Amino acid sequence: GMHVYRDGSVLVNISGKGTAKLDKCGDVEWTIDRMNHHSITPAGDGGFWIPSHRAASETPEHLIFAPTTRDKLVNAPAGRLYQYENLILRTDAQGKVLEQFSVLQAIYDAGLESVIWSTMHIKPDDPTHLNDIDIVTEPLASKIEGVDSGDLLVSLRQTAQLAILDSETGELKWQHAGPWVYQHDPDITADGNIVVYNNSNYDLHFNRPAGSNLIELDPAVGETRVIYPTEGQPSFLSELLGAHDLLPNGNRLIVESRAGRVFEINPAGDIVWDFVKPYDEYYASLIAYAQRVELDFFEVDDWSCE
């Protein structure tokens, strides 16, 4: 996750280790010493919504579901990026944590342990894998009863689930498991639909070619459609990570993370340009996220550094 400021500074997550704001020269301005990861979403008041983890030793006992145990979680191999319990943090503009919600607690309170039953047997140490937070708009709220503008739309990778939580209480208000696998980056359209980056997986495509795609969900009726790639358009695949962004000119920026590739398509689905960041002769460097900025975005007169 990252957030770019007009003064040239950038806010970045160091996966599972914390968050740091760096000035235009790369010097640290402040940090958040929490197990933050994935996305950074502006909260609209200068602050941010950021996914995080809670240490296994601090997870409430009632949220440790079978077949795992606290001992197994606490004694997991060192260096593991992800933890059992995902939190949603809200910070102020200086990185002070103002509040936090537990994703597992929201599932528990809603009586929806069934949505993580399978993942507890596949990924018992990482049953939800929160990977994105977006802020519900008025058009989206109008399509789902009981949901309000300002609530939080989240992506839970392990359960193939989108969910909406109350931004003040953390209560689970809505959830939908769709025809996507290991999905990332649900973005809300102007008319209140949700476009999801469907990662897919080599092992879960039946007799169809393996490939990622972008799927649009109309939450009012639960209908979905693939918007890219469609028939005749070139495929792409990133089993992990991945992002997309609808640009002001109507084009869409797509990050094919595992291929180290960023490309842009026009509304017809034609590739306008693409970029691959090589690692060596055989491999590409993974690109987690990309953001397009206009040429006049930065308000910096002097980029020099001591």
Protein backbone atom coordinates (compact mmCIF):
# COMPACT_ATOMS: atom_id res chain seq x y z
CA GLY A 1 0.00 0.00 0.00
CA MET A 2 1.05 3.59 -0.61
CA HIS A 3 -0.25 7.13 -0.69
CA VAL A 4 1.47 9.91 -2.65
CA TYR A 5 1.37 13.52 -1.43
CA ARG A 6 1.61 16.59 -3.66
CA ASP A 7 4.71 17.77 -1.78
CA GLY A 8 6.61 14.72 -3.03
CA SER A 9 6.37 12.73 0.18
CA VAL A 10 4.92 9.21 0.25
CA LEU A 11 3.24 7.01 2.84
CA VAL A 12 4.10 3.32 2.51
CA ASN A 13 3.35 0.04 4.26
CA ILE A 14 6.33 -2.20 4.98
CA SER A 15 4.41 -5.46 4.69
CA GLY A 16 3.42 -6.73 8.12
CA LYS A 17 5.96 -4.47 9.86
CA GLY A 18 4.48 -0.98 9.93
CA THR A 19 3.82 2.23 8.02
CA ALA A 20 6.25 5.07 7.30
CA LYS A 21 5.92 8.54 5.85
CA LEU A 22 8.98 9.52 3.82
CA ASP A 23 9.68 13.03 2.56
CA LYS A 24 10.66 13.79 -1.04
CA CYS A 25 14.26 12.86 -0.24
CA GLY A 26 13.37 9.54 1.42
CA ASP A 27 13.94 10.71 4.99
CA VAL A 28 11.49 9.38 7.60
CA GLU A 29 8.97 11.91 8.95
CA TRP A 30 6.95 9.52 11.12
CA THR A 31 6.06 5.85 11.49
CA ILE A 32 3.24 3.64 12.76
CA ASP A 33 4.66 0.74 14.76
CA ARG A 34 1.88 -1.75 14.00
CA MET A 35 1.72 -4.86 11.79
CA ASN A 36 0.20 -2.95 8.87
CA HIS A 37 -0.09 -4.36 5.37
CA HIS A 38 -1.63 -4.03 1.92
CA SER A 39 -3.65 -0.86 1.24
CA ILE A 40 -3.63 2.73 2.48
CA THR A 41 -6.96 4.53 1.98
CA PRO A 42 -7.44 8.27 2.63
CA ALA A 43 -10.22 8.76 5.18
CA GLY A 44 -11.23 12.19 3.85
CA ASP A 45 -10.05 14.18 6.88
CA GLY A 46 -6.31 13.83 6.31
CA GLY A 47 -6.21 10.48 8.08
CA PHE A 48 -6.21 6.94 6.69
CA TRP A 49 -7.80 3.50 6.88
CA ILE A 50 -5.11 0.77 6.95
CA PRO A 51 -5.31 -3.05 7.30
CA SER A 52 -3.28 -4.42 10.18
CA HIS A 53 -2.75 -7.55 12.27
CA ARG A 54 -3.12 -8.30 15.95
CA ALA A 55 -0.43 -10.44 17.56
CA ALA A 56 -1.68 -13.99 18.19
CA SER A 57 -0.88 -13.62 21.88
CA GLU A 58 -3.46 -10.80 22.06
CA THR A 59 -6.28 -12.35 20.02
CA PRO A 60 -9.37 -12.93 22.21
CA GLU A 61 -9.90 -16.58 23.05
CA HIS A 62 -13.42 -16.70 21.55
CA LEU A 63 -12.00 -15.76 18.12
CA ILE A 64 -9.57 -18.68 17.95
CA PHE A 65 -11.63 -21.19 16.02
CA ALA A 66 -10.82 -24.90 15.59
CA PRO A 67 -8.69 -26.50 14.15
CA THR A 68 -6.02 -24.03 15.29
CA THR A 69 -4.90 -23.16 18.81
CA ARG A 70 -3.18 -20.18 20.39
CA ASP A 71 -0.01 -22.24 20.86
CA LYS A 72 0.10 -23.04 17.14
CA LEU A 73 -0.40 -19.38 16.25
CA VAL A 74 2.10 -17.99 18.73
CA ASN A 75 4.75 -20.56 17.77
CA ALA A 76 4.34 -20.16 14.01
CA PRO A 77 7.59 -20.02 11.97
CA ALA A 78 9.49 -16.76 12.37
CA GLY A 79 9.31 -14.30 9.50
CA ARG A 80 5.77 -15.18 8.46
CA LEU A 81 4.19 -12.10 6.86
CA TYR A 82 0.59 -12.68 7.89
CA GLN A 83 -1.12 -13.20 11.21
CA TYR A 84 -4.34 -14.89 12.25
CA GLU A 85 -6.45 -11.83 13.11
CA ASN A 86 -6.91 -8.87 10.80
CA LEU A 87 -7.66 -5.40 12.13
CA ILE A 88 -8.85 -2.23 10.42
CA LEU A 89 -7.08 0.86 11.75
CA ARG A 90 -8.11 4.48 11.44
CA THR A 91 -5.30 7.02 11.87
CA ASP A 92 -5.05 10.77 11.89
CA ALA A 93 -2.87 12.74 9.47
CA GLN A 94 0.22 12.23 11.67
CA GLY A 95 -0.20 8.47 11.99
CA LYS A 96 -1.79 8.33 15.44
CA VAL A 97 -4.17 5.35 15.66
CA LEU A 98 -7.63 6.66 16.55
CA GLU A 99 -9.65 3.43 16.47
CA GLN A 100 -9.52 -0.20 15.36
CA PHE A 101 -11.96 -2.94 14.39
CA SER A 102 -11.45 -6.70 14.21
CA VAL A 103 -12.61 -8.50 11.06
CA LEU A 104 -12.99 -11.79 12.93
CA GLN A 105 -15.01 -10.07 15.65
CA ALA A 106 -17.37 -8.68 13.00
CA ILE A 107 -17.82 -12.18 11.53
CA TYR A 108 -18.32 -13.66 15.01
CA ASP A 109 -20.90 -11.04 16.03
CA ALA A 110 -22.83 -11.60 12.80
CA GLY A 111 -22.97 -15.35 13.45
CA LEU A 112 -21.21 -16.05 10.16
CA GLU A 113 -18.54 -18.50 11.23
CA SER A 114 -19.68 -20.55 8.23
CA VAL A 115 -17.95 -18.15 5.82
CA ILE A 116 -14.54 -19.06 7.22
CA TRP A 117 -15.18 -22.78 7.83
CA SER A 118 -13.33 -23.87 4.68
CA THR A 119 -10.43 -21.48 5.10
CA MET A 120 -9.88 -22.63 8.68
CA HIS A 121 -9.00 -26.04 7.19
CA ILE A 122 -6.89 -24.62 4.35
CA LYS A 123 -5.27 -21.54 5.93
CA PRO A 124 -5.89 -21.90 9.69
CA ASP A 125 -3.24 -19.27 10.48
CA ASP A 126 -4.66 -16.69 8.01
CA PRO A 127 -8.42 -17.27 7.63
CA THR A 128 -9.55 -13.89 6.26
CA HIS A 129 -6.55 -12.10 4.66
CA LEU A 130 -7.92 -8.57 4.49
CA ASN A 131 -6.28 -6.88 1.49
CA ASP A 132 -8.19 -3.68 0.72
CA ILE A 133 -10.42 -1.04 2.28
CA ASP A 134 -12.60 1.40 0.33
CA ILE A 135 -15.14 3.96 1.50
CA VAL A 136 -18.78 3.36 0.54
CA THR A 137 -20.26 6.06 -1.68
CA GLU A 138 -23.85 7.27 -1.75
CA PRO A 139 -24.65 5.41 -5.03
CA LEU A 140 -23.38 2.13 -3.54
CA ALA A 141 -25.18 2.69 -0.22
CA SER A 142 -28.45 3.27 -2.10
CA LYS A 143 -28.21 -0.23 -3.58
CA ILE A 144 -27.87 -2.15 -0.29
CA GLU A 145 -30.43 -1.88 2.50
CA GLY A 146 -28.93 -0.88 5.84
CA VAL A 147 -25.64 0.35 4.36
CA ASP A 148 -24.63 4.00 4.72
CA SER A 149 -22.32 6.30 2.82
CA GLY A 150 -18.98 6.34 4.65
CA ASP A 151 -19.12 2.65 5.66
CA LEU A 152 -16.13 0.46 4.76
CA LEU A 153 -16.03 -1.92 1.80
CA VAL A 154 -13.35 -4.57 2.39
CA SER A 155 -11.90 -7.49 0.46
CA LEU A 156 -11.34 -10.77 2.32
CA ARG A 157 -9.17 -12.88 0.03
CA GLN A 158 -9.38 -16.25 1.72
CA THR A 159 -13.18 -16.37 1.72
CA ALA A 160 -13.62 -14.92 -1.81
CA GLN A 161 -15.76 -12.37 -0.01
CA LEU A 162 -16.55 -8.68 -0.19
CA ALA A 163 -17.97 -7.20 3.01
CA ILE A 164 -19.19 -3.85 4.28
CA LEU A 165 -18.53 -2.82 7.89
CA ASP A 166 -19.92 0.12 9.84
CA SER A 167 -17.19 2.77 10.00
CA GLU A 168 -18.00 3.66 13.61
CA THR A 169 -18.76 0.29 15.23
CA GLY A 170 -17.10 -2.28 12.95
CA GLU A 171 -20.43 -4.14 12.61
CA LEU A 172 -20.73 -6.38 9.54
CA LYS A 173 -23.62 -5.02 7.46
CA TRP A 174 -23.29 -6.91 4.16
CA GLN A 175 -21.24 -9.69 2.62
CA HIS A 176 -21.07 -11.27 -0.82
CA ALA A 177 -18.98 -14.19 -2.08
CA GLY A 178 -18.69 -13.92 -5.85
CA PRO A 179 -17.21 -15.77 -8.85
CA TRP A 180 -13.69 -14.63 -8.04
CA VAL A 181 -10.66 -16.32 -6.50
CA TYR A 182 -8.05 -14.57 -4.28
CA GLN A 183 -9.57 -11.23 -5.31
CA HIS A 184 -8.03 -7.80 -4.69
CA ASP A 185 -8.85 -4.10 -5.00
CA PRO A 186 -12.66 -3.78 -5.19
CA ASP A 187 -13.35 -0.30 -6.59
CA ILE A 188 -16.72 1.45 -6.52
CA THR A 189 -18.07 2.82 -9.81
CA ALA A 190 -19.92 6.12 -10.24
CA ASP A 191 -23.24 4.28 -10.42
CA GLY A 192 -22.65 2.21 -7.28
CA ASN A 193 -21.39 -1.06 -8.73
CA ILE A 194 -18.15 -2.75 -7.60
CA VAL A 195 -15.32 -3.79 -9.93
CA VAL A 196 -13.10 -6.56 -8.51
CA TYR A 197 -9.62 -7.68 -9.58
CA ASN A 198 -10.18 -11.44 -9.87
CA ASN A 199 -6.75 -13.01 -9.48
CA SER A 200 -7.80 -16.57 -10.32
CA ASN A 201 -5.43 -19.49 -9.83
CA TYR A 202 -3.73 -22.15 -11.93
CA ASP A 203 -5.60 -24.88 -10.04
CA LEU A 204 -9.09 -23.37 -10.13
CA HIS A 205 -10.01 -22.71 -13.74
CA PHE A 206 -11.58 -26.07 -14.72
CA ASN A 207 -11.23 -26.40 -18.50
CA ARG A 208 -10.95 -22.68 -19.15
CA PRO A 209 -7.59 -20.95 -19.74
CA ALA A 210 -6.01 -19.68 -16.55
CA GLY A 211 -6.14 -15.91 -16.29
CA SER A 212 -7.03 -12.96 -14.12
CA ASN A 213 -9.84 -10.58 -15.07
CA LEU A 214 -11.91 -7.65 -13.88
CA ILE A 215 -15.43 -8.51 -12.74
CA GLU A 216 -18.20 -5.95 -12.16
CA LEU A 217 -20.84 -6.70 -9.51
CA ASP A 218 -24.22 -5.00 -9.28
CA PRO A 219 -24.90 -5.45 -5.55
CA ALA A 220 -28.56 -4.51 -5.91
CA VAL A 221 -29.30 -7.74 -7.79
CA GLY A 222 -26.12 -9.79 -7.29
CA GLU A 223 -25.36 -10.03 -11.01
CA THR A 224 -21.77 -10.06 -12.30
CA ARG A 225 -20.06 -9.64 -15.67
CA VAL A 226 -16.47 -9.76 -16.88
CA ILE A 227 -15.45 -6.35 -18.20
CA TYR A 228 -11.83 -7.21 -19.13
CA PRO A 229 -10.50 -9.16 -20.86
CA THR A 230 -13.43 -10.21 -23.00
CA GLU A 231 -13.32 -12.39 -26.11
CA GLY A 232 -10.39 -11.55 -28.37
CA GLN A 233 -8.57 -9.42 -25.80
CA PRO A 234 -5.14 -10.51 -24.49
CA SER A 235 -5.09 -12.35 -21.18
CA PHE A 236 -3.08 -11.53 -18.06
CA LEU A 237 -2.45 -13.42 -14.83
CA SER A 238 -1.35 -12.52 -11.33
CA GLU A 239 -2.21 -15.13 -8.72
CA LEU A 240 -1.12 -12.73 -5.95
CA LEU A 241 -1.54 -8.99 -5.42
CA GLY A 242 -2.77 -6.97 -8.42
CA ALA A 243 -4.62 -3.68 -8.73
CA HIS A 244 -6.67 -1.62 -11.16
CA ASP A 245 -7.77 1.99 -11.30
CA LEU A 246 -10.32 3.77 -13.52
CA LEU A 247 -8.65 6.96 -14.76
CA PRO A 248 -10.31 10.35 -15.35
CA ASN A 249 -9.97 9.94 -19.13
CA GLY A 250 -11.96 6.68 -19.06
CA ASN A 251 -8.93 4.44 -19.44
CA ARG A 252 -8.03 1.83 -16.82
CA LEU A 253 -4.64 1.21 -15.22
CA ILE A 254 -3.97 -2.48 -14.45
CA VAL A 255 -1.15 -3.96 -12.39
CA GLU A 256 -0.15 -7.54 -13.27
CA SER A 257 1.95 -7.91 -10.13
CA ARG A 258 3.57 -11.33 -10.57
CA ALA A 259 4.62 -10.42 -14.11
CA GLY A 260 6.15 -7.13 -12.95
CA ARG A 261 3.87 -5.38 -15.40
CA VAL A 262 1.71 -2.24 -15.49
CA PHE A 263 -0.47 -1.49 -18.49
CA GLU A 264 -3.28 0.85 -19.49
CA ILE A 265 -6.32 0.03 -21.58
CA ASN A 266 -8.81 2.36 -23.25
CA PRO A 267 -12.61 1.89 -22.95
CA ALA A 268 -12.54 -0.46 -25.95
CA GLY A 269 -10.04 -2.70 -24.14
CA ASP A 270 -7.10 -1.84 -26.39
CA ILE A 271 -3.72 -1.60 -24.65
CA VAL A 272 -2.50 2.02 -24.79
CA TRP A 273 0.91 1.25 -23.27
CA ASP A 274 2.54 -1.28 -21.01
CA PHE A 275 5.68 -1.45 -18.89
CA VAL A 276 7.56 -4.44 -17.52
CA LYS A 277 10.19 -4.02 -14.81
CA PRO A 278 12.85 -6.71 -15.35
CA TYR A 279 14.79 -8.33 -12.54
CA ASP A 280 17.26 -10.22 -14.69
CA GLU A 281 17.33 -12.06 -18.02
CA TYR A 282 14.60 -14.49 -16.96
CA TYR A 283 12.49 -12.86 -14.23
CA ALA A 284 10.51 -9.67 -13.69
CA SER A 285 10.46 -7.65 -10.47
CA LEU A 286 7.13 -7.92 -8.64
CA ILE A 287 5.10 -4.69 -8.71
CA ALA A 288 2.59 -4.55 -5.86
CA TYR A 289 0.85 -1.31 -6.77
CA ALA A 290 0.99 1.57 -9.23
CA GLN A 291 -0.65 4.96 -9.37
CA ARG A 292 -0.89 7.33 -12.31
CA VAL A 293 -0.38 11.00 -11.50
CA GLU A 294 -0.79 13.96 -13.84
CA LEU A 295 2.26 15.95 -14.91
CA ASP A 296 1.19 18.88 -12.70
CA PHE A 297 0.33 16.71 -9.66
CA PHE A 298 3.40 17.56 -7.57
CA GLU A 299 3.65 21.01 -5.99
CA VAL A 300 7.43 20.90 -5.69
CA ASP A 301 9.74 23.60 -7.03
CA ASP A 302 13.00 22.01 -5.93
CA TRP A 303 13.59 18.23 -6.00
CA SER A 304 17.21 18.45 -4.88
CA CYS A 305 18.30 16.70 -1.69
CA GLU A 306 21.29 17.21 0.60
